[in-house]
Amino acid sequence: MIPEPSGDLEALMQRYQAGDRESASALIAGINPRLFHYLLSQGLSRFDAEDLLQDVWLQIHRVRHTHRQGEPVLPWIYAIARHVQVDSYRKRTRRREQGIETVPELRAPAKPADGEQADFEELIGRLPESQREVVTMLKVAGMSCEEVARATSSTVGAVKVKAHRAYERLRKLLGSPAELRRSRD
C-alpha cells in the first residue's frame, strides 16, 4: 500500500479543522482502509474492528481541534486509534468481570495446507501485541519509524527493536511450516 504524501494529509486536516466537510470525507477515505487493517491486526474480529473504527472517527472528530498544524497527521490519528482500542478493551474487561457481558472466544485462524503460505492476518496474529502493532503501522499504514514512535508514545529505537524482533519471528514462521504449526498449538 502506497501512502499519500504527508503534505496532502496535512492540508486535508487543516481544511477539516476549518469545517470543510469534503476534506473530512477525503481524509476518512484515504486513511480508513489502513486504520481498519490496523484494528484487524490487533486480534479483533471484522465486526469488532468495524465497530471500533467508527468509535475512532467519532473521537477524531471530537478532538480534531487538538491537532497542531505542521505536525504529522498519521501518528496523531494512530495514537487516537490506539487509545480508543485500549479504552474499549478496558470496558469489555470490566463488563466481563461484572458478569454483564460474555465475550466470544477469538476464532482460530484457518490452517493452510502443507506447502501453502499463511496469510498476513494469521502470521501477524502470531506476534506479541506490541510487535504486531508496530509492524502493522510500518507496513500496512506506511508510517515511518518516527511516526510510529509518536503514535505509540515510544522511542524510535524501541520501534526499531520491536520491528526487528517481529521480522525475525516472521522469517522463522515463513521458513518453517513445522514452526508455523507449532506456534498455532
N, C-alpha and C. Protein backbone atom coordinates (compact mmCIF):
# COMPACT_ATOMS: atom_id res chain seq x y z
N MET A 1 0.84 -1.17 0.00
CA MET A 1 0.00 0.00 0.00
C MET A 1 0.89 1.23 0.00
N ILE A 2 0.67 2.13 -0.92
CA ILE A 2 1.50 3.33 -1.06
C ILE A 2 0.84 4.46 -0.28
N PRO A 3 1.56 5.02 0.68
CA PRO A 3 0.98 6.11 1.46
C PRO A 3 0.87 7.39 0.64
N GLU A 4 -0.09 8.22 0.99
CA GLU A 4 -0.22 9.53 0.35
C GLU A 4 0.90 10.41 0.86
N PRO A 5 1.27 11.41 0.08
CA PRO A 5 2.25 12.37 0.60
C PRO A 5 1.70 13.00 1.87
N SER A 6 2.54 13.13 2.87
CA SER A 6 2.05 13.63 4.16
C SER A 6 1.51 15.05 4.04
N GLY A 7 2.01 15.83 3.09
CA GLY A 7 1.50 17.18 2.90
C GLY A 7 0.03 17.19 2.53
N ASP A 8 -0.40 16.20 1.74
CA ASP A 8 -1.82 16.11 1.37
C ASP A 8 -2.67 15.88 2.61
N LEU A 9 -2.22 14.99 3.48
CA LEU A 9 -2.96 14.71 4.71
C LEU A 9 -2.99 15.94 5.61
N GLU A 10 -1.86 16.63 5.67
CA GLU A 10 -1.78 17.84 6.49
C GLU A 10 -2.78 18.89 5.98
N ALA A 11 -2.81 19.05 4.66
CA ALA A 11 -3.73 20.05 4.08
C ALA A 11 -5.18 19.64 4.31
N LEU A 12 -5.48 18.36 4.13
CA LEU A 12 -6.84 17.89 4.38
C LEU A 12 -7.23 18.13 5.84
N MET A 13 -6.32 17.84 6.74
CA MET A 13 -6.61 18.01 8.17
C MET A 13 -6.84 19.47 8.50
N GLN A 14 -6.04 20.35 7.90
CA GLN A 14 -6.20 21.78 8.14
C GLN A 14 -7.59 22.25 7.69
N ARG A 15 -8.00 21.80 6.50
CA ARG A 15 -9.32 22.20 5.98
C ARG A 15 -10.44 21.55 6.80
N TYR A 16 -10.22 20.31 7.26
CA TYR A 16 -11.20 19.63 8.11
C TYR A 16 -11.38 20.42 9.41
N GLN A 17 -10.29 20.87 10.01
CA GLN A 17 -10.38 21.66 11.23
C GLN A 17 -11.14 22.97 11.01
N ALA A 18 -11.06 23.47 9.77
CA ALA A 18 -11.75 24.71 9.44
C ALA A 18 -13.22 24.48 9.09
N GLY A 19 -13.65 23.21 9.09
CA GLY A 19 -15.06 22.91 8.86
C GLY A 19 -15.41 22.43 7.47
N ASP A 20 -14.43 22.14 6.64
CA ASP A 20 -14.69 21.69 5.28
C ASP A 20 -15.07 20.20 5.29
N ARG A 21 -16.33 19.91 4.99
CA ARG A 21 -16.83 18.52 5.01
C ARG A 21 -16.20 17.65 3.94
N GLU A 22 -15.93 18.21 2.78
CA GLU A 22 -15.32 17.43 1.71
C GLU A 22 -13.91 16.97 2.09
N SER A 23 -13.19 17.82 2.78
CA SER A 23 -11.85 17.44 3.25
C SER A 23 -11.94 16.35 4.30
N ALA A 24 -12.95 16.43 5.16
CA ALA A 24 -13.15 15.38 6.16
C ALA A 24 -13.42 14.05 5.47
N SER A 25 -14.28 14.07 4.46
CA SER A 25 -14.59 12.84 3.71
C SER A 25 -13.36 12.29 3.01
N ALA A 26 -12.56 13.17 2.42
CA ALA A 26 -11.35 12.74 1.72
C ALA A 26 -10.33 12.16 2.71
N LEU A 27 -10.21 12.76 3.88
CA LEU A 27 -9.30 12.27 4.91
C LEU A 27 -9.74 10.87 5.36
N ILE A 28 -11.01 10.71 5.61
CA ILE A 28 -11.54 9.41 6.04
C ILE A 28 -11.32 8.36 4.95
N ALA A 29 -11.64 8.71 3.71
CA ALA A 29 -11.47 7.76 2.60
C ALA A 29 -10.02 7.35 2.43
N GLY A 30 -9.10 8.27 2.66
CA GLY A 30 -7.69 7.97 2.48
C GLY A 30 -7.08 7.13 3.58
N ILE A 31 -7.59 7.28 4.79
CA ILE A 31 -6.97 6.62 5.94
C ILE A 31 -7.76 5.41 6.42
N ASN A 32 -9.04 5.38 6.15
CA ASN A 32 -9.92 4.32 6.67
C ASN A 32 -9.42 2.90 6.41
N PRO A 33 -9.00 2.55 5.18
CA PRO A 33 -8.55 1.17 4.96
C PRO A 33 -7.36 0.78 5.84
N ARG A 34 -6.43 1.70 6.00
CA ARG A 34 -5.25 1.40 6.84
C ARG A 34 -5.63 1.26 8.30
N LEU A 35 -6.51 2.13 8.78
CA LEU A 35 -6.96 2.02 10.16
C LEU A 35 -7.70 0.70 10.40
N PHE A 36 -8.51 0.31 9.44
CA PHE A 36 -9.26 -0.94 9.56
C PHE A 36 -8.30 -2.13 9.65
N HIS A 37 -7.29 -2.16 8.79
CA HIS A 37 -6.32 -3.25 8.82
C HIS A 37 -5.51 -3.23 10.12
N TYR A 38 -5.23 -2.06 10.61
CA TYR A 38 -4.53 -1.94 11.89
C TYR A 38 -5.37 -2.58 12.99
N LEU A 39 -6.65 -2.26 13.04
CA LEU A 39 -7.52 -2.81 14.08
C LEU A 39 -7.67 -4.32 13.92
N LEU A 40 -7.78 -4.79 12.69
CA LEU A 40 -7.85 -6.24 12.46
C LEU A 40 -6.59 -6.94 12.94
N SER A 41 -5.46 -6.31 12.72
CA SER A 41 -4.19 -6.93 13.11
C SER A 41 -4.03 -7.01 14.62
N GLN A 42 -4.86 -6.31 15.34
CA GLN A 42 -4.78 -6.33 16.80
C GLN A 42 -5.62 -7.46 17.41
N GLY A 43 -6.07 -8.39 16.56
CA GLY A 43 -6.79 -9.56 17.05
C GLY A 43 -8.29 -9.37 17.15
N LEU A 44 -8.81 -8.32 16.57
CA LEU A 44 -10.25 -8.09 16.61
C LEU A 44 -10.94 -8.80 15.45
N SER A 45 -12.19 -9.17 15.66
CA SER A 45 -12.97 -9.73 14.57
C SER A 45 -13.31 -8.59 13.60
N ARG A 46 -13.76 -8.93 12.40
CA ARG A 46 -14.13 -7.90 11.42
C ARG A 46 -15.23 -7.00 12.00
N PHE A 47 -16.20 -7.62 12.64
CA PHE A 47 -17.31 -6.87 13.23
C PHE A 47 -16.81 -5.89 14.28
N ASP A 48 -15.97 -6.38 15.20
CA ASP A 48 -15.44 -5.51 16.25
C ASP A 48 -14.54 -4.42 15.68
N ALA A 49 -13.75 -4.75 14.66
CA ALA A 49 -12.87 -3.76 14.03
C ALA A 49 -13.70 -2.67 13.37
N GLU A 50 -14.78 -3.05 12.69
CA GLU A 50 -15.64 -2.04 12.05
C GLU A 50 -16.29 -1.15 13.10
N ASP A 51 -16.74 -1.76 14.19
CA ASP A 51 -17.37 -1.01 15.26
C ASP A 51 -16.38 -0.04 15.90
N LEU A 52 -15.20 -0.53 16.18
CA LEU A 52 -14.18 0.30 16.79
C LEU A 52 -13.72 1.41 15.85
N LEU A 53 -13.69 1.12 14.56
CA LEU A 53 -13.31 2.12 13.57
C LEU A 53 -14.25 3.33 13.63
N GLN A 54 -15.53 3.06 13.79
CA GLN A 54 -16.50 4.15 13.94
C GLN A 54 -16.20 4.97 15.19
N ASP A 55 -15.87 4.28 16.28
CA ASP A 55 -15.53 4.99 17.53
C ASP A 55 -14.29 5.85 17.35
N VAL A 56 -13.32 5.34 16.60
CA VAL A 56 -12.09 6.09 16.35
C VAL A 56 -12.42 7.39 15.61
N TRP A 57 -13.23 7.29 14.56
CA TRP A 57 -13.56 8.50 13.79
C TRP A 57 -14.40 9.48 14.60
N LEU A 58 -15.26 8.97 15.47
CA LEU A 58 -16.02 9.88 16.34
C LEU A 58 -15.08 10.63 17.28
N GLN A 59 -14.11 9.90 17.82
CA GLN A 59 -13.15 10.54 18.72
C GLN A 59 -12.29 11.55 17.96
N ILE A 60 -11.86 11.18 16.76
CA ILE A 60 -11.07 12.12 15.95
C ILE A 60 -11.88 13.39 15.70
N HIS A 61 -13.16 13.23 15.40
CA HIS A 61 -14.00 14.39 15.14
C HIS A 61 -14.11 15.26 16.40
N ARG A 62 -14.27 14.62 17.54
CA ARG A 62 -14.39 15.38 18.80
C ARG A 62 -13.13 16.18 19.13
N VAL A 63 -11.97 15.60 18.82
CA VAL A 63 -10.72 16.23 19.25
C VAL A 63 -9.91 16.80 18.08
N ARG A 64 -10.55 16.98 16.94
CA ARG A 64 -9.81 17.46 15.76
C ARG A 64 -9.12 18.79 16.01
N HIS A 65 -9.66 19.58 16.89
CA HIS A 65 -9.05 20.88 17.20
C HIS A 65 -7.69 20.74 17.90
N THR A 66 -7.38 19.55 18.44
CA THR A 66 -6.12 19.37 19.16
C THR A 66 -4.94 19.07 18.25
N HIS A 67 -5.22 18.74 16.99
CA HIS A 67 -4.10 18.50 16.07
C HIS A 67 -3.42 19.83 15.78
N ARG A 68 -2.10 19.84 15.95
CA ARG A 68 -1.33 21.06 15.72
C ARG A 68 -0.85 21.12 14.28
N GLN A 69 -1.10 22.24 13.65
CA GLN A 69 -0.65 22.42 12.27
C GLN A 69 0.86 22.26 12.21
N GLY A 70 1.31 21.59 11.15
CA GLY A 70 2.73 21.35 10.97
C GLY A 70 3.18 20.01 11.53
N GLU A 71 2.37 19.40 12.39
CA GLU A 71 2.68 18.07 12.94
C GLU A 71 2.11 17.01 12.00
N PRO A 72 2.76 15.86 11.90
CA PRO A 72 2.24 14.79 11.03
C PRO A 72 0.87 14.31 11.51
N VAL A 73 0.00 14.02 10.57
CA VAL A 73 -1.37 13.61 10.88
C VAL A 73 -1.45 12.13 11.27
N LEU A 74 -0.74 11.27 10.54
CA LEU A 74 -0.87 9.83 10.81
C LEU A 74 -0.54 9.43 12.24
N PRO A 75 0.57 9.88 12.82
CA PRO A 75 0.82 9.49 14.21
C PRO A 75 -0.27 9.97 15.16
N TRP A 76 -0.79 11.14 14.92
CA TRP A 76 -1.86 11.68 15.74
C TRP A 76 -3.10 10.79 15.65
N ILE A 77 -3.46 10.39 14.43
CA ILE A 77 -4.63 9.54 14.23
C ILE A 77 -4.42 8.16 14.84
N TYR A 78 -3.24 7.57 14.62
CA TYR A 78 -2.98 6.24 15.16
C TYR A 78 -2.90 6.25 16.69
N ALA A 79 -2.44 7.34 17.27
CA ALA A 79 -2.43 7.45 18.73
C ALA A 79 -3.87 7.45 19.25
N ILE A 80 -4.74 8.16 18.56
CA ILE A 80 -6.15 8.17 18.97
C ILE A 80 -6.74 6.78 18.82
N ALA A 81 -6.45 6.12 17.69
CA ALA A 81 -6.97 4.75 17.47
C ALA A 81 -6.49 3.81 18.56
N ARG A 82 -5.24 3.94 18.92
CA ARG A 82 -4.68 3.08 19.96
C ARG A 82 -5.39 3.32 21.29
N HIS A 83 -5.62 4.58 21.64
CA HIS A 83 -6.29 4.90 22.90
C HIS A 83 -7.74 4.42 22.90
N VAL A 84 -8.42 4.57 21.79
CA VAL A 84 -9.80 4.09 21.69
C VAL A 84 -9.83 2.57 21.85
N GLN A 85 -8.87 1.90 21.24
CA GLN A 85 -8.81 0.44 21.36
C GLN A 85 -8.56 0.02 22.80
N VAL A 86 -7.63 0.67 23.47
CA VAL A 86 -7.33 0.34 24.87
C VAL A 86 -8.54 0.60 25.75
N ASP A 87 -9.21 1.74 25.54
CA ASP A 87 -10.42 2.04 26.31
C ASP A 87 -11.50 0.99 26.09
N SER A 88 -11.66 0.57 24.85
CA SER A 88 -12.66 -0.46 24.53
C SER A 88 -12.33 -1.77 25.24
N TYR A 89 -11.06 -2.13 25.22
CA TYR A 89 -10.63 -3.36 25.89
C TYR A 89 -10.91 -3.27 27.39
N ARG A 90 -10.61 -2.15 27.99
CA ARG A 90 -10.85 -1.97 29.43
C ARG A 90 -12.34 -2.07 29.75
N LYS A 91 -13.17 -1.46 28.92
CA LYS A 91 -14.62 -1.55 29.15
C LYS A 91 -15.11 -2.99 29.05
N ARG A 92 -14.64 -3.71 28.03
CA ARG A 92 -15.06 -5.11 27.88
C ARG A 92 -14.60 -5.94 29.07
N THR A 93 -13.39 -5.67 29.54
CA THR A 93 -12.85 -6.41 30.67
C THR A 93 -13.67 -6.14 31.93
N ARG A 94 -14.02 -4.89 32.17
CA ARG A 94 -14.84 -4.55 33.34
C ARG A 94 -16.21 -5.22 33.25
N ARG A 95 -16.82 -5.19 32.09
CA ARG A 95 -18.13 -5.83 31.93
C ARG A 95 -18.05 -7.33 32.18
N ARG A 96 -17.01 -7.93 31.66
CA ARG A 96 -16.83 -9.37 31.82
C ARG A 96 -16.64 -9.70 33.30
N GLU A 97 -15.85 -8.89 34.00
CA GLU A 97 -15.61 -9.11 35.42
C GLU A 97 -16.88 -8.94 36.23
N GLN A 98 -17.76 -8.06 35.79
CA GLN A 98 -19.02 -7.83 36.49
C GLN A 98 -20.09 -8.81 36.04
N GLY A 99 -19.77 -9.63 35.04
CA GLY A 99 -20.74 -10.63 34.57
C GLY A 99 -21.83 -10.06 33.69
N ILE A 100 -21.63 -8.85 33.17
CA ILE A 100 -22.65 -8.22 32.35
C ILE A 100 -22.64 -8.76 30.93
N GLU A 101 -21.49 -9.08 30.44
CA GLU A 101 -21.37 -9.45 29.03
C GLU A 101 -20.45 -10.67 28.92
N THR A 102 -20.81 -11.56 28.05
CA THR A 102 -19.89 -12.66 27.76
C THR A 102 -19.25 -12.35 26.42
N VAL A 103 -17.95 -12.45 26.36
CA VAL A 103 -17.22 -12.13 25.15
C VAL A 103 -16.91 -13.44 24.43
N PRO A 104 -17.25 -13.53 23.15
CA PRO A 104 -16.96 -14.76 22.42
C PRO A 104 -15.46 -14.99 22.30
N GLU A 105 -15.08 -16.23 22.23
CA GLU A 105 -13.69 -16.60 22.05
C GLU A 105 -13.22 -16.13 20.68
N LEU A 106 -11.95 -15.77 20.58
CA LEU A 106 -11.40 -15.43 19.27
C LEU A 106 -11.35 -16.68 18.42
N ARG A 107 -11.74 -16.55 17.19
CA ARG A 107 -11.73 -17.70 16.30
C ARG A 107 -10.29 -18.03 15.93
N ALA A 108 -10.04 -19.30 15.80
CA ALA A 108 -8.70 -19.72 15.39
C ALA A 108 -8.56 -19.50 13.89
N PRO A 109 -7.42 -18.99 13.44
CA PRO A 109 -7.25 -18.78 12.01
C PRO A 109 -7.25 -20.12 11.27
N ALA A 110 -7.74 -20.07 10.05
CA ALA A 110 -7.74 -21.28 9.23
C ALA A 110 -6.31 -21.72 8.98
N LYS A 111 -6.08 -23.01 9.04
CA LYS A 111 -4.73 -23.53 8.84
C LYS A 111 -4.50 -23.77 7.35
N PRO A 112 -3.38 -23.25 6.83
CA PRO A 112 -3.10 -23.52 5.42
C PRO A 112 -2.65 -24.97 5.25
N ALA A 113 -2.95 -25.53 4.10
CA ALA A 113 -2.50 -26.89 3.80
C ALA A 113 -0.98 -26.89 3.70
N ASP A 114 -0.37 -28.06 3.86
CA ASP A 114 1.08 -28.15 3.76
C ASP A 114 1.53 -27.57 2.43
N GLY A 115 2.57 -26.77 2.48
CA GLY A 115 3.11 -26.16 1.27
C GLY A 115 2.50 -24.81 0.96
N GLU A 116 1.36 -24.47 1.54
CA GLU A 116 0.73 -23.17 1.30
C GLU A 116 1.31 -22.14 2.26
N GLN A 117 1.32 -20.90 1.84
CA GLN A 117 1.79 -19.82 2.70
C GLN A 117 0.63 -19.36 3.59
N ALA A 118 0.95 -19.01 4.80
CA ALA A 118 -0.06 -18.44 5.70
C ALA A 118 -0.37 -17.02 5.25
N ASP A 119 -1.59 -16.55 5.52
CA ASP A 119 -1.93 -15.18 5.13
C ASP A 119 -1.42 -14.19 6.18
N PHE A 120 -1.47 -12.93 5.82
CA PHE A 120 -0.92 -11.87 6.66
C PHE A 120 -1.55 -11.86 8.05
N GLU A 121 -2.88 -11.93 8.11
CA GLU A 121 -3.56 -11.85 9.40
C GLU A 121 -3.16 -13.00 10.32
N GLU A 122 -3.00 -14.18 9.75
CA GLU A 122 -2.59 -15.32 10.57
C GLU A 122 -1.17 -15.12 11.08
N LEU A 123 -0.27 -14.71 10.21
CA LEU A 123 1.12 -14.51 10.61
C LEU A 123 1.26 -13.40 11.65
N ILE A 124 0.63 -12.29 11.38
CA ILE A 124 0.75 -11.15 12.29
C ILE A 124 0.10 -11.47 13.64
N GLY A 125 -0.90 -12.35 13.61
CA GLY A 125 -1.55 -12.78 14.85
C GLY A 125 -0.65 -13.60 15.75
N ARG A 126 0.44 -14.11 15.22
CA ARG A 126 1.39 -14.91 16.00
C ARG A 126 2.40 -14.06 16.75
N LEU A 127 2.40 -12.76 16.48
CA LEU A 127 3.35 -11.86 17.13
C LEU A 127 2.77 -11.33 18.43
N PRO A 128 3.64 -10.96 19.37
CA PRO A 128 3.16 -10.26 20.57
C PRO A 128 2.48 -8.95 20.15
N GLU A 129 1.57 -8.48 20.97
CA GLU A 129 0.75 -7.32 20.61
C GLU A 129 1.58 -6.09 20.23
N SER A 130 2.62 -5.79 20.98
CA SER A 130 3.41 -4.59 20.69
C SER A 130 4.13 -4.71 19.35
N GLN A 131 4.63 -5.90 19.03
CA GLN A 131 5.29 -6.10 17.73
C GLN A 131 4.27 -6.06 16.61
N ARG A 132 3.11 -6.64 16.83
CA ARG A 132 2.05 -6.65 15.82
C ARG A 132 1.64 -5.22 15.49
N GLU A 133 1.50 -4.40 16.52
CA GLU A 133 1.10 -3.01 16.34
C GLU A 133 2.14 -2.25 15.51
N VAL A 134 3.41 -2.42 15.83
CA VAL A 134 4.48 -1.71 15.13
C VAL A 134 4.57 -2.15 13.67
N VAL A 135 4.54 -3.45 13.42
CA VAL A 135 4.63 -3.95 12.03
C VAL A 135 3.45 -3.46 11.21
N THR A 136 2.27 -3.47 11.79
CA THR A 136 1.09 -3.01 11.06
C THR A 136 1.20 -1.53 10.71
N MET A 137 1.63 -0.74 11.66
CA MET A 137 1.78 0.70 11.38
C MET A 137 2.86 0.95 10.32
N LEU A 138 3.96 0.20 10.40
CA LEU A 138 5.04 0.40 9.45
C LEU A 138 4.68 -0.11 8.06
N LYS A 139 4.15 -1.31 7.97
CA LYS A 139 3.97 -1.96 6.68
C LYS A 139 2.58 -1.76 6.07
N VAL A 140 1.55 -1.74 6.87
CA VAL A 140 0.19 -1.57 6.32
C VAL A 140 -0.13 -0.09 6.18
N ALA A 141 0.17 0.67 7.22
CA ALA A 141 -0.15 2.10 7.18
C ALA A 141 0.92 2.91 6.47
N GLY A 142 2.11 2.32 6.29
CA GLY A 142 3.17 3.04 5.60
C GLY A 142 3.77 4.17 6.39
N MET A 143 3.70 4.07 7.72
CA MET A 143 4.24 5.12 8.56
C MET A 143 5.75 4.95 8.72
N SER A 144 6.43 6.04 9.05
CA SER A 144 7.87 5.99 9.32
C SER A 144 8.08 5.55 10.77
N CYS A 145 9.31 5.20 11.11
CA CYS A 145 9.63 4.82 12.49
C CYS A 145 9.33 5.99 13.44
N GLU A 146 9.62 7.19 13.01
CA GLU A 146 9.37 8.37 13.85
C GLU A 146 7.87 8.54 14.10
N GLU A 147 7.06 8.33 13.06
CA GLU A 147 5.61 8.46 13.21
C GLU A 147 5.05 7.37 14.12
N VAL A 148 5.56 6.15 13.98
CA VAL A 148 5.11 5.06 14.84
C VAL A 148 5.50 5.34 16.29
N ALA A 149 6.69 5.86 16.49
CA ALA A 149 7.13 6.20 17.84
C ALA A 149 6.20 7.22 18.48
N ARG A 150 5.82 8.23 17.71
CA ARG A 150 4.87 9.23 18.24
C ARG A 150 3.52 8.60 18.56
N ALA A 151 3.03 7.77 17.66
CA ALA A 151 1.70 7.17 17.83
C ALA A 151 1.66 6.21 19.02
N THR A 152 2.77 5.56 19.33
CA THR A 152 2.79 4.58 20.41
C THR A 152 3.43 5.12 21.68
N SER A 153 3.73 6.41 21.71
CA SER A 153 4.38 7.03 22.86
C SER A 153 5.65 6.27 23.23
N SER A 154 6.46 6.02 22.23
CA SER A 154 7.66 5.23 22.39
C SER A 154 8.83 5.99 21.77
N THR A 155 10.00 5.37 21.79
CA THR A 155 11.16 5.97 21.14
C THR A 155 11.37 5.30 19.78
N VAL A 156 12.09 5.97 18.91
CA VAL A 156 12.40 5.41 17.60
C VAL A 156 13.20 4.12 17.77
N GLY A 157 14.12 4.11 18.71
CA GLY A 157 14.91 2.92 18.97
C GLY A 157 14.06 1.73 19.38
N ALA A 158 13.10 1.97 20.25
CA ALA A 158 12.21 0.90 20.70
C ALA A 158 11.37 0.37 19.54
N VAL A 159 10.93 1.27 18.67
CA VAL A 159 10.15 0.85 17.49
C VAL A 159 11.01 -0.04 16.60
N LYS A 160 12.26 0.36 16.38
CA LYS A 160 13.15 -0.42 15.52
C LYS A 160 13.43 -1.80 16.12
N VAL A 161 13.60 -1.86 17.42
CA VAL A 161 13.85 -3.15 18.08
C VAL A 161 12.62 -4.06 17.94
N LYS A 162 11.44 -3.51 18.20
CA LYS A 162 10.21 -4.31 18.07
C LYS A 162 10.03 -4.79 16.64
N ALA A 163 10.29 -3.92 15.67
CA ALA A 163 10.16 -4.31 14.27
C ALA A 163 11.16 -5.40 13.92
N HIS A 164 12.39 -5.24 14.36
CA HIS A 164 13.42 -6.25 14.06
C HIS A 164 13.04 -7.61 14.65
N ARG A 165 12.60 -7.62 15.89
CA ARG A 165 12.20 -8.88 16.53
C ARG A 165 11.00 -9.49 15.82
N ALA A 166 10.08 -8.65 15.40
CA ALA A 166 8.90 -9.15 14.68
C ALA A 166 9.31 -9.76 13.35
N TYR A 167 10.20 -9.08 12.62
CA TYR A 167 10.64 -9.60 11.33
C TYR A 167 11.37 -10.93 11.49
N GLU A 168 12.19 -11.03 12.54
CA GLU A 168 12.89 -12.30 12.80
C GLU A 168 11.89 -13.42 13.06
N ARG A 169 10.89 -13.13 13.86
CA ARG A 169 9.86 -14.13 14.17
C ARG A 169 9.10 -14.52 12.90
N LEU A 170 8.76 -13.55 12.09
CA LEU A 170 8.03 -13.84 10.85
C LEU A 170 8.89 -14.66 9.89
N ARG A 171 10.18 -14.36 9.82
CA ARG A 171 11.08 -15.17 8.97
C ARG A 171 11.09 -16.62 9.41
N LYS A 172 11.14 -16.84 10.73
CA LYS A 172 11.12 -18.21 11.24
C LYS A 172 9.81 -18.90 10.86
N LEU A 173 8.71 -18.20 11.04
CA LEU A 173 7.40 -18.78 10.72
C LEU A 173 7.27 -19.09 9.23
N LEU A 174 7.74 -18.19 8.41
CA LEU A 174 7.63 -18.40 6.96
C LEU A 174 8.62 -19.44 6.45
N GLY A 175 9.73 -19.57 7.13
CA GLY A 175 10.76 -20.51 6.68
C GLY A 175 10.48 -21.94 7.07
N SER A 176 9.63 -22.15 8.04
CA SER A 176 9.42 -23.50 8.54
C SER A 176 7.94 -23.78 8.76
N PRO A 177 7.31 -24.59 7.88
CA PRO A 177 5.92 -24.95 8.11
C PRO A 177 5.72 -25.62 9.46
N ALA A 178 6.71 -26.39 9.91
CA ALA A 178 6.60 -27.04 11.22
C ALA A 178 6.56 -26.00 12.34
N GLU A 179 7.35 -24.94 12.21
CA GLU A 179 7.37 -23.87 13.20
C GLU A 179 6.02 -23.17 13.23
N LEU A 180 5.42 -22.95 12.06
CA LEU A 180 4.12 -22.31 11.99
C LEU A 180 3.07 -23.19 12.68
N ARG A 181 3.14 -24.51 12.43
CA ARG A 181 2.19 -25.42 13.09
C ARG A 181 2.41 -25.41 14.60
N ARG A 182 3.66 -25.40 15.05
CA ARG A 182 3.97 -25.40 16.48
C ARG A 182 3.45 -24.13 17.13
N SER A 183 3.57 -23.00 16.45
CA SER A 183 3.14 -21.74 17.05
C SER A 183 1.63 -21.66 17.16
N ARG A 184 0.90 -22.45 16.37
CA ARG A 184 -0.57 -22.47 16.48
C ARG A 184 -1.02 -23.22 17.72
N ASP A 185 -0.27 -24.20 18.11
CA ASP A 185 -0.67 -25.06 19.22
C ASP A 185 -0.37 -24.46 20.56
